[in-house]
Each structure stands twice: as C-alpha cells, then as structure tokens.
C-alpha cells in the first residue's frame, strides 16, 4: 500500500505567485472601465440566451427550477463529496481520507477569504443587483412557482450577487480535484460537474456571469494557492487525521459504512 503523504509541507513559490497575481489581475480587469463594458456585454448576452427559453420550453424550465432550489445544494454537495472520496478515481484509496481533510482545510480558507472579500466589496461600493432585478424582459421562476419560492427557497434574484459564493465552492472543488487529476476523462467529469451546477443561478438570473468568472474564480484561486502551495494543507490535514483517528477506528466496526473507502 502506498502510504506516502499526498501533500508536501513546503512553499511552492512559483504556483503561489501565480495563484496570488491571477486574482489581482482578474479584479483589475473587472474594475477597468473597458473591462467592465466587456463583462457587461457578454453577461447580458449570456443571461438572455439562458433565461429566455424558460418562457416557452417547459423541460428547460423544470430542470433549472429544481436546480435553483436551496435543498438541491445539498444534493450537489453530496455528489461532489462522492466524487472526491471515490477511491482510485482521482485519489488512490489510501489517500482518500487525506484528500478529504485537505479539501476541508482549503474550503475553510475559502470561507475566510470570502468573508473578508465581501466586506471589502461592500465597503468599496462594488456590490450590485442580479440581472433578474435589472432587466425588464426577464422570466422569473418564482412567478411560475410561487409555492416553491416560499417553501423551498427558490433562488432567482439577489440584491448582493457579487461575488458568486456558490460558484466559488464549485470552482475550489474543481481546481482542487484538477490539481491532482492526471487523465482527460477525470478532468472532463470534474469540470463538467462544476459548470453544470453553476448553471442554475445563471439561468434563473440570481447571478451575473462576472459574479462567477471574476468574483468566484478569484476567491477560489486565491484559496487554492494559499492552501495547497503552502504548508497549510499538509499540516492541517495531518492534524485532522490524528484528531479523527479514534473516530474512524470506531467507524470501521459499523457494518454499513465500514466498507467505504474513506473509512477503510
């Protein structure tokens, strides 16, 4: 069995610099007046292309209505977790638990970055309404299914849509998985799932594209760089492995879950 550590407790200065400078470049491009015009032009086209078919295509409307429900986020989380801890897909079976805790450390760092960046966005006045609250000719899913909006938190609008926190989680998962993947099929599955699950907010108009490919991406890249290209993820995952070892020892005795790769 290969018991070599998945993460190395060292500073990788080249990748770290790239993961720090890219978010800065994205933010500068977004704040540049001409860059903002390009983003708005593209986002307006993207929104109307995705949103308009909701008015006449019932299947399209049903799919993205389900995807826009808050409880569906739990389903998405379970799917991403299942792919992450599936032994011998991206990570070897012996590395799955390490990978899980490494991603958890990265995700916690993302939450911290997101909280700080959101406060900065509010302080600088960069916040904006979602496209469903800006344009007139918009198809609101909540108008078709008002009962779902009340009972299941159907999300099709936001007065604080930047940055895209939902997209940042999907992107940090995809970037983390992509960092360790080696095959084309793996990468297609990873990025296919990430883009698919980002779509509901874009179709329903809860987010502009720039909320995701600027705001969500810059936070995800920054979190990836300062976790995986520093000693943080190696030391954090090692600490969590030690702390939870007794719990996993108990779990190995439970009939139904002891066969899971992460438990074994």
C-alpha atoms as a PDB file:
ATOM      1  CA  UNK A   1       0.000   0.000   0.000  1.00  0.00           C
ATOM      2  CA  UNK A   2       1.271   3.466  -0.911  1.00  0.00           C
ATOM      3  CA  UNK A   3       1.300   5.466   2.337  1.00  0.00           C
ATOM      4  CA  UNK A   4       3.256   8.441   1.061  1.00  0.00           C
ATOM      5  CA  UNK A   5       1.700  11.776   2.067  1.00  0.00           C
ATOM      6  CA  UNK A   6      -0.478  13.382  -0.547  1.00  0.00           C
ATOM      7  CA  UNK A   7       0.530  16.912   0.445  1.00  0.00           C
ATOM      8  CA  UNK A   8       4.026  18.296   0.936  1.00  0.00           C
ATOM      9  CA  UNK A   9       4.656  20.788   3.761  1.00  0.00           C
ATOM     10  CA  UNK A  10       6.636  23.244   1.669  1.00  0.00           C
ATOM     11  CA  UNK A  11       6.272  26.586  -0.048  1.00  0.00           C
ATOM     12  CA  UNK A  12       5.868  26.362  -3.844  1.00  0.00           C
ATOM     13  CA  UNK A  13       6.737  29.930  -4.721  1.00  0.00           C
ATOM     14  CA  UNK A  14       6.009  29.821  -8.456  1.00  0.00           C
ATOM     15  CA  UNK A  15       2.450  28.400  -8.235  1.00  0.00           C
ATOM     16  CA  UNK A  16       1.767  30.526  -5.150  1.00  0.00           C
ATOM     17  CA  UNK A  17       2.764  33.699  -7.000  1.00  0.00           C
ATOM     18  CA  UNK A  18       0.564  32.712  -9.941  1.00  0.00           C
ATOM     19  CA  UNK A  19      -2.407  31.991  -7.645  1.00  0.00           C
ATOM     20  CA  UNK A  20      -1.929  35.381  -5.979  1.00  0.00           C
ATOM     21  CA  UNK A  21      -1.354  37.502  -9.075  1.00  0.00           C
ATOM     22  CA  UNK A  22      -4.176  35.976 -11.146  1.00  0.00           C
ATOM     23  CA  UNK A  23      -6.920  37.111  -8.703  1.00  0.00           C
ATOM     24  CA  UNK A  24      -5.356  40.581  -8.634  1.00  0.00           C
ATOM     25  CA  UNK A  25      -5.348  40.641 -12.445  1.00  0.00           C
ATOM     26  CA  UNK A  26      -8.986  39.499 -12.586  1.00  0.00           C
ATOM     27  CA  UNK A  27     -10.056  42.195 -10.151  1.00  0.00           C
ATOM     28  CA  UNK A  28      -8.107  44.894 -12.015  1.00  0.00           C
ATOM     29  CA  UNK A  29      -9.649  43.803 -15.313  1.00  0.00           C
ATOM     30  CA  UNK A  30     -13.117  43.919 -13.761  1.00  0.00           C
ATOM     31  CA  UNK A  31     -12.534  47.404 -12.338  1.00  0.00           C
ATOM     32  CA  UNK A  32     -11.064  48.702 -15.610  1.00  0.00           C
ATOM     33  CA  UNK A  33     -13.899  50.620 -17.366  1.00  0.00           C
ATOM     34  CA  UNK A  34     -13.349  48.884 -20.707  1.00  0.00           C
ATOM     35  CA  UNK A  35     -13.104  45.508 -18.946  1.00  0.00           C
ATOM     36  CA  UNK A  36     -16.389  46.208 -17.191  1.00  0.00           C
ATOM     37  CA  UNK A  37     -18.035  47.034 -20.537  1.00  0.00           C
ATOM     38  CA  UNK A  38     -16.796  43.723 -21.956  1.00  0.00           C
ATOM     39  CA  UNK A  39     -18.077  41.814 -18.920  1.00  0.00           C
ATOM     40  CA  UNK A  40     -21.483  43.502 -19.023  1.00  0.00           C
ATOM     41  CA  UNK A  41     -21.856  42.977 -22.774  1.00  0.00           C
ATOM     42  CA  UNK A  42     -21.004  39.293 -22.501  1.00  0.00           C
ATOM     43  CA  UNK A  43     -23.122  38.792 -19.382  1.00  0.00           C
ATOM     44  CA  UNK A  44     -26.189  40.422 -20.891  1.00  0.00           C
ATOM     45  CA  UNK A  45     -25.958  38.137 -23.919  1.00  0.00           C
ATOM     46  CA  UNK A  46     -25.346  35.100 -21.705  1.00  0.00           C
ATOM     47  CA  UNK A  47     -28.251  35.866 -19.389  1.00  0.00           C
ATOM     48  CA  UNK A  48     -30.833  36.421 -22.117  1.00  0.00           C
ATOM     49  CA  UNK A  49     -29.628  33.337 -24.010  1.00  0.00           C
ATOM     50  CA  UNK A  50     -30.104  31.157 -20.934  1.00  0.00           C
ATOM     51  CA  UNK A  51     -33.131  32.841 -19.383  1.00  0.00           C
ATOM     52  CA  UNK A  52     -35.392  33.476 -22.387  1.00  0.00           C
ATOM     53  CA  UNK A  53     -36.089  29.757 -23.173  1.00  0.00           C
ATOM     54  CA  UNK A  54     -37.680  29.411 -19.712  1.00  0.00           C
ATOM     55  CA  UNK A  55     -40.780  31.139 -21.098  1.00  0.00           C
ATOM     56  CA  UNK A  56     -41.555  28.559 -23.782  1.00  0.00           C
ATOM     57  CA  UNK A  57     -39.507  25.429 -23.051  1.00  0.00           C
ATOM     58  CA  UNK A  58     -41.178  23.538 -20.211  1.00  0.00           C
ATOM     59  CA  UNK A  59     -38.429  20.949 -19.859  1.00  0.00           C
ATOM     60  CA  UNK A  60     -35.782  23.667 -19.656  1.00  0.00           C
ATOM     61  CA  UNK A  61     -37.847  25.440 -17.008  1.00  0.00           C
ATOM     62  CA  UNK A  62     -38.377  22.288 -14.918  1.00  0.00           C
ATOM     63  CA  UNK A  63     -34.667  21.392 -14.956  1.00  0.00           C
ATOM     64  CA  UNK A  64     -33.436  24.777 -13.782  1.00  0.00           C
ATOM     65  CA  UNK A  65     -36.253  25.236 -11.298  1.00  0.00           C
ATOM     66  CA  UNK A  66     -35.127  22.086  -9.493  1.00  0.00           C
ATOM     67  CA  UNK A  67     -31.516  23.246  -9.749  1.00  0.00           C
ATOM     68  CA  UNK A  68     -32.397  26.628  -8.225  1.00  0.00           C
ATOM     69  CA  UNK A  69     -33.995  25.195  -5.087  1.00  0.00           C
ATOM     70  CA  UNK A  70     -31.953  25.552  -1.893  1.00  0.00           C
ATOM     71  CA  UNK A  71     -32.301  21.849  -0.943  1.00  0.00           C
ATOM     72  CA  UNK A  72     -30.714  20.921  -4.287  1.00  0.00           C
ATOM     73  CA  UNK A  73     -27.474  22.444  -2.984  1.00  0.00           C
ATOM     74  CA  UNK A  74     -27.353  19.521  -0.535  1.00  0.00           C
ATOM     75  CA  UNK A  75     -27.630  17.087  -3.442  1.00  0.00           C
ATOM     76  CA  UNK A  76     -24.816  18.901  -5.237  1.00  0.00           C
ATOM     77  CA  UNK A  77     -22.657  18.755  -2.129  1.00  0.00           C
ATOM     78  CA  UNK A  78     -23.205  15.004  -1.789  1.00  0.00           C
ATOM     79  CA  UNK A  79     -22.305  14.427  -5.451  1.00  0.00           C
ATOM     80  CA  UNK A  80     -19.098  16.438  -5.150  1.00  0.00           C
ATOM     81  CA  UNK A  81     -18.210  14.622  -1.932  1.00  0.00           C
ATOM     82  CA  UNK A  82     -18.865  11.239  -3.560  1.00  0.00           C
ATOM     83  CA  UNK A  83     -16.517  12.059  -6.437  1.00  0.00           C
ATOM     84  CA  UNK A  84     -13.874  13.370  -4.023  1.00  0.00           C
ATOM     85  CA  UNK A  85     -13.825  10.275  -1.795  1.00  0.00           C
ATOM     86  CA  UNK A  86     -14.232   7.698  -4.536  1.00  0.00           C
ATOM     87  CA  UNK A  87     -11.122   5.582  -4.269  1.00  0.00           C
ATOM     88  CA  UNK A  88      -8.868   5.264  -7.314  1.00  0.00           C
ATOM     89  CA  UNK A  89     -10.688   7.892  -9.344  1.00  0.00           C
ATOM     90  CA  UNK A  90      -8.530  10.959  -8.715  1.00  0.00           C
ATOM     91  CA  UNK A  91      -7.014   9.880  -5.416  1.00  0.00           C
ATOM     92  CA  UNK A  92      -5.693   6.464  -4.523  1.00  0.00           C
ATOM     93  CA  UNK A  93      -7.763   4.563  -1.997  1.00  0.00           C
ATOM     94  CA  UNK A  94      -5.023   5.024   0.598  1.00  0.00           C
ATOM     95  CA  UNK A  95      -5.079   8.802   0.031  1.00  0.00           C
ATOM     96  CA  UNK A  96      -8.823   9.469   0.101  1.00  0.00           C
ATOM     97  CA  UNK A  97      -9.029  10.431   3.777  1.00  0.00           C
ATOM     98  CA  UNK A  98      -6.028  12.721   3.398  1.00  0.00           C
ATOM     99  CA  UNK A  99      -7.608  14.298   0.333  1.00  0.00           C
ATOM    100  CA  UNK A 100     -10.899  14.835   2.147  1.00  0.00           C
ATOM    101  CA  UNK A 101      -9.248  16.656   5.049  1.00  0.00           C
ATOM    102  CA  UNK A 102      -7.013  18.590   2.674  1.00  0.00           C
ATOM    103  CA  UNK A 103     -10.058  19.836   0.802  1.00  0.00           C
ATOM    104  CA  UNK A 104     -11.762  20.670   4.093  1.00  0.00           C
ATOM    105  CA  UNK A 105      -8.811  22.870   5.095  1.00  0.00           C
ATOM    106  CA  UNK A 106      -8.910  24.564   1.681  1.00  0.00           C
ATOM    107  CA  UNK A 107     -12.657  25.108   1.990  1.00  0.00           C
ATOM    108  CA  UNK A 108     -12.276  26.703   5.424  1.00  0.00           C
ATOM    109  CA  UNK A 109      -9.685  29.086   3.999  1.00  0.00           C
ATOM    110  CA  UNK A 110     -12.106  29.921   1.176  1.00  0.00           C
ATOM    111  CA  UNK A 111     -14.798  30.813   3.736  1.00  0.00           C
ATOM    112  CA  UNK A 112     -12.380  33.200   5.463  1.00  0.00           C
ATOM    113  CA  UNK A 113     -11.357  34.797   2.157  1.00  0.00           C
ATOM    114  CA  UNK A 114     -14.970  35.087   1.102  1.00  0.00           C
ATOM    115  CA  UNK A 115     -15.955  36.850   4.346  1.00  0.00           C
ATOM    116  CA  UNK A 116     -13.086  39.349   4.080  1.00  0.00           C
ATOM    117  CA  UNK A 117     -13.549  39.971   0.361  1.00  0.00           C
ATOM    118  CA  UNK A 118     -17.306  40.505   0.732  1.00  0.00           C
ATOM    119  CA  UNK A 119     -16.718  43.139   3.415  1.00  0.00           C
ATOM    120  CA  UNK A 120     -14.251  44.869   1.081  1.00  0.00           C
ATOM    121  CA  UNK A 121     -16.743  44.727  -1.805  1.00  0.00           C
ATOM    122  CA  UNK A 122     -19.439  46.321   0.358  1.00  0.00           C
ATOM    123  CA  UNK A 123     -17.068  48.991   1.659  1.00  0.00           C
ATOM    124  CA  UNK A 124     -15.942  49.902  -1.865  1.00  0.00           C
ATOM    125  CA  UNK A 125     -19.487  50.036  -3.243  1.00  0.00           C
ATOM    126  CA  UNK A 126     -18.860  47.286  -5.792  1.00  0.00           C
ATOM    127  CA  UNK A 127     -21.976  45.324  -4.881  1.00  0.00           C
ATOM    128  CA  UNK A 128     -24.785  45.046  -7.445  1.00  0.00           C
ATOM    129  CA  UNK A 129     -28.211  43.546  -8.070  1.00  0.00           C
ATOM    130  CA  UNK A 130     -28.601  40.326 -10.026  1.00  0.00           C
ATOM    131  CA  UNK A 131     -29.673  40.532 -13.704  1.00  0.00           C
ATOM    132  CA  UNK A 132     -33.192  39.342 -12.838  1.00  0.00           C
ATOM    133  CA  UNK A 133     -33.607  42.591 -10.873  1.00  0.00           C
ATOM    134  CA  UNK A 134     -32.044  44.823 -13.536  1.00  0.00           C
ATOM    135  CA  UNK A 135     -33.672  43.874 -16.834  1.00  0.00           C
ATOM    136  CA  UNK A 136     -37.365  44.203 -17.657  1.00  0.00           C
ATOM    137  CA  UNK A 137     -37.822  41.295 -20.068  1.00  0.00           C
ATOM    138  CA  UNK A 138     -36.941  38.597 -17.557  1.00  0.00           C
ATOM    139  CA  UNK A 139     -38.502  35.208 -16.866  1.00  0.00           C
ATOM    140  CA  UNK A 140     -38.759  34.783 -13.098  1.00  0.00           C
ATOM    141  CA  UNK A 141     -39.076  31.191 -11.962  1.00  0.00           C
ATOM    142  CA  UNK A 142     -40.719  32.424  -8.782  1.00  0.00           C
ATOM    143  CA  UNK A 143     -43.592  33.819 -10.887  1.00  0.00           C
ATOM    144  CA  UNK A 144     -44.237  30.344 -12.297  1.00  0.00           C
ATOM    145  CA  UNK A 145     -43.804  28.520  -8.986  1.00  0.00           C
ATOM    146  CA  UNK A 146     -44.564  30.926  -6.101  1.00  0.00           C
ATOM    147  CA  UNK A 147     -45.238  27.993  -3.751  1.00  0.00           C
ATOM    148  CA  UNK A 148     -41.703  26.711  -4.319  1.00  0.00           C
ATOM    149  CA  UNK A 149     -40.230  30.109  -3.544  1.00  0.00           C
ATOM    150  CA  UNK A 150     -41.963  30.149  -0.168  1.00  0.00           C
ATOM    151  CA  UNK A 151     -41.454  26.504   0.798  1.00  0.00           C
ATOM    152  CA  UNK A 152     -38.078  25.647  -0.765  1.00  0.00           C
ATOM    153  CA  UNK A 153     -36.318  28.995  -1.217  1.00  0.00           C
ATOM    154  CA  UNK A 154     -36.325  29.140  -4.981  1.00  0.00           C
ATOM    155  CA  UNK A 155     -33.364  31.408  -5.786  1.00  0.00           C
ATOM    156  CA  UNK A 156     -33.811  33.579  -8.866  1.00  0.00           C
ATOM    157  CA  UNK A 157     -32.751  37.013  -7.606  1.00  0.00           C
ATOM    158  CA  UNK A 158     -30.281  38.669  -5.272  1.00  0.00           C
ATOM    159  CA  UNK A 159     -29.561  42.224  -4.221  1.00  0.00           C
ATOM    160  CA  UNK A 160     -25.997  41.152  -3.283  1.00  0.00           C
ATOM    161  CA  UNK A 161     -24.939  38.947  -6.157  1.00  0.00           C
ATOM    162  CA  UNK A 162     -21.204  39.742  -6.216  1.00  0.00           C
ATOM    163  CA  UNK A 163     -19.135  37.692  -5.648  1.00  0.00           C
ATOM    164  CA  UNK A 164     -20.671  34.322  -6.501  1.00  0.00           C
ATOM    165  CA  UNK A 165     -20.158  32.324  -3.314  1.00  0.00           C
ATOM    166  CA  UNK A 166     -21.959  29.273  -4.726  1.00  0.00           C
ATOM    167  CA  UNK A 167     -19.653  29.315  -7.749  1.00  0.00           C
ATOM    168  CA  UNK A 168     -16.580  29.798  -5.568  1.00  0.00           C
ATOM    169  CA  UNK A 169     -17.283  26.499  -3.772  1.00  0.00           C
ATOM    170  CA  UNK A 170     -17.780  24.654  -7.056  1.00  0.00           C
ATOM    171  CA  UNK A 171     -14.639  26.203  -8.516  1.00  0.00           C
ATOM    172  CA  UNK A 172     -12.462  25.466  -5.470  1.00  0.00           C
ATOM    173  CA  UNK A 173     -13.629  21.831  -5.632  1.00  0.00           C
ATOM    174  CA  UNK A 174     -12.851  21.639  -9.357  1.00  0.00           C
ATOM    175  CA  UNK A 175      -9.458  23.348  -9.002  1.00  0.00           C
ATOM    176  CA  UNK A 176      -8.507  21.121  -6.059  1.00  0.00           C
ATOM    177  CA  UNK A 177      -9.504  17.959  -7.916  1.00  0.00           C
ATOM    178  CA  UNK A 178      -7.861  19.148 -11.132  1.00  0.00           C
ATOM    179  CA  UNK A 179      -4.598  19.758  -9.257  1.00  0.00           C
ATOM    180  CA  UNK A 180      -4.291  16.025  -8.569  1.00  0.00           C
ATOM    181  CA  UNK A 181      -6.046  14.554 -11.631  1.00  0.00           C
ATOM    182  CA  UNK A 182      -3.961  13.022 -14.399  1.00  0.00           C
ATOM    183  CA  UNK A 183      -6.373  11.914 -17.118  1.00  0.00           C
ATOM    184  CA  UNK A 184      -8.591  13.716 -19.625  1.00  0.00           C
ATOM    185  CA  UNK A 185     -11.689  11.779 -18.551  1.00  0.00           C
ATOM    186  CA  UNK A 186     -11.161  12.808 -14.939  1.00  0.00           C
ATOM    187  CA  UNK A 187     -10.849  16.462 -15.881  1.00  0.00           C
ATOM    188  CA  UNK A 188     -13.915  16.324 -18.140  1.00  0.00           C
ATOM    189  CA  UNK A 189     -16.005  14.849 -15.328  1.00  0.00           C
ATOM    190  CA  UNK A 190     -14.692  17.354 -12.776  1.00  0.00           C
ATOM    191  CA  UNK A 191     -15.196  20.483 -14.854  1.00  0.00           C
ATOM    192  CA  UNK A 192     -18.406  19.189 -16.413  1.00  0.00           C
ATOM    193  CA  UNK A 193     -19.964  18.827 -12.956  1.00  0.00           C
ATOM    194  CA  UNK A 194     -18.667  22.225 -11.806  1.00  0.00           C
ATOM    195  CA  UNK A 195     -20.073  24.102 -14.810  1.00  0.00           C
ATOM    196  CA  UNK A 196     -23.337  22.149 -14.745  1.00  0.00           C
ATOM    197  CA  UNK A 197     -24.010  23.020 -11.114  1.00  0.00           C
ATOM    198  CA  UNK A 198     -23.109  26.685 -11.678  1.00  0.00           C
ATOM    199  CA  UNK A 199     -25.755  26.960 -14.375  1.00  0.00           C
ATOM    200  CA  UNK A 200     -28.970  27.214 -12.275  1.00  0.00           C
ATOM    201  CA  UNK A 201     -28.063  30.606 -10.781  1.00  0.00           C
ATOM    202  CA  UNK A 202     -27.087  31.926 -14.207  1.00  0.00           C
ATOM    203  CA  UNK A 203     -30.222  30.640 -15.946  1.00  0.00           C
ATOM    204  CA  UNK A 204     -32.563  31.924 -13.236  1.00  0.00           C
ATOM    205  CA  UNK A 205     -30.776  35.291 -13.107  1.00  0.00           C
ATOM    206  CA  UNK A 206     -29.605  35.137  -9.490  1.00  0.00           C
ATOM    207  CA  UNK A 207     -26.059  35.900 -10.651  1.00  0.00           C
ATOM    208  CA  UNK A 208     -24.277  37.645 -13.488  1.00  0.00           C
ATOM    209  CA  UNK A 209     -21.567  35.672 -15.253  1.00  0.00           C
ATOM    210  CA  UNK A 210     -18.949  38.022 -13.780  1.00  0.00           C
ATOM    211  CA  UNK A 211     -20.080  37.084 -10.275  1.00  0.00           C
ATOM    212  CA  UNK A 212     -18.723  33.629 -11.089  1.00  0.00           C
ATOM    213  CA  UNK A 213     -15.846  34.016 -13.548  1.00  0.00           C
ATOM    214  CA  UNK A 214     -14.482  37.103 -11.753  1.00  0.00           C
ATOM    215  CA  UNK A 215     -15.656  37.037  -8.137  1.00  0.00           C
ATOM    216  CA  UNK A 216     -15.998  33.287  -7.610  1.00  0.00           C
ATOM    217  CA  UNK A 217     -12.862  32.420  -9.548  1.00  0.00           C
ATOM    218  CA  UNK A 218     -10.559  34.933  -7.875  1.00  0.00           C
ATOM    219  CA  UNK A 219     -11.575  33.714  -4.414  1.00  0.00           C
ATOM    220  CA  UNK A 220     -11.177  30.064  -5.397  1.00  0.00           C
ATOM    221  CA  UNK A 221      -7.746  30.553  -6.983  1.00  0.00           C
ATOM    222  CA  UNK A 222      -6.521  32.560  -4.003  1.00  0.00           C
ATOM    223  CA  UNK A 223      -7.730  29.903  -1.548  1.00  0.00           C
ATOM    224  CA  UNK A 224      -6.162  27.117  -3.597  1.00  0.00           C
ATOM    225  CA  UNK A 225      -2.823  28.885  -3.769  1.00  0.00           C
ATOM    226  CA  UNK A 226      -2.555  29.701  -0.078  1.00  0.00           C
ATOM    227  CA  UNK A 227      -3.628  26.222   0.995  1.00  0.00           C
ATOM    228  CA  UNK A 228      -2.114  23.756  -1.474  1.00  0.00           C
ATOM    229  CA  UNK A 229       1.051  25.676  -2.362  1.00  0.00           C
ATOM    230  CA  UNK A 230       1.971  26.456   1.245  1.00  0.00           C
ATOM    231  CA  UNK A 231       2.441  24.105   4.220  1.00  0.00           C
ATOM    232  CA  UNK A 232      -1.135  24.867   5.363  1.00  0.00           C
ATOM    233  CA  UNK A 233      -2.959  21.964   3.716  1.00  0.00           C
ATOM    234  CA  UNK A 234      -0.265  19.411   4.603  1.00  0.00           C
ATOM    235  CA  UNK A 235      -0.099  20.384   8.259  1.00  0.00           C
ATOM    236  CA  UNK A 236      -3.843  20.968   8.581  1.00  0.00           C
ATOM    237  CA  UNK A 237      -4.808  17.620   7.049  1.00  0.00           C
ATOM    238  CA  UNK A 238      -2.171  15.776   9.113  1.00  0.00           C
ATOM    239  CA  UNK A 239      -3.562  17.338  12.279  1.00  0.00           C
ATOM    240  CA  UNK A 240      -7.135  16.383  11.376  1.00  0.00           C
ATOM    241  CA  UNK A 241      -6.019  12.837  10.555  1.00  0.00           C
ATOM    242  CA  UNK A 242      -4.544  12.467  14.030  1.00  0.00           C
ATOM    243  CA  UNK A 243      -7.524  14.033  15.784  1.00  0.00           C
ATOM    244  CA  UNK A 244     -10.099  11.872  13.974  1.00  0.00           C
ATOM    245  CA  UNK A 245      -8.196   8.565  14.017  1.00  0.00           C
ATOM    246  CA  UNK A 246     -10.181   7.231  17.040  1.00  0.00           C
ATOM    247  CA  UNK A 247     -13.465   8.104  15.324  1.00  0.00           C
ATOM    248  CA  UNK A 248     -12.502   6.237  12.161  1.00  0.00           C
ATOM    249  CA  UNK A 249     -11.385   3.265  14.259  1.00  0.00           C
ATOM    250  CA  UNK A 250     -14.899   3.104  15.703  1.00  0.00           C
ATOM    251  CA  UNK A 251     -16.481   3.623  12.261  1.00  0.00           C
ATOM    252  CA  UNK A 252     -14.599   0.603  10.901  1.00  0.00           C
ATOM    253  CA  UNK A 253     -16.695  -1.551  13.207  1.00  0.00           C
ATOM    254  CA  UNK A 254     -20.028  -0.263  11.879  1.00  0.00           C
ATOM    255  CA  UNK A 255     -21.408  -2.797   9.339  1.00  0.00           C
ATOM    256  CA  UNK A 256     -22.815  -0.490   6.672  1.00  0.00           C
ATOM    257  CA  UNK A 257     -20.167   2.203   6.485  1.00  0.00           C
ATOM    258  CA  UNK A 258     -17.006   0.221   7.199  1.00  0.00           C
ATOM    259  CA  UNK A 259     -16.715  -0.706   3.510  1.00  0.00           C
ATOM    260  CA  UNK A 260     -16.454   2.937   2.406  1.00  0.00           C
ATOM    261  CA  UNK A 261     -13.010   3.842   1.088  1.00  0.00           C
ATOM    262  CA  UNK A 262     -12.665   6.818   3.411  1.00  0.00           C
ATOM    263  CA  UNK A 263     -13.403   4.600   6.423  1.00  0.00           C
ATOM    264  CA  UNK A 264     -11.110   1.723   5.399  1.00  0.00           C
END
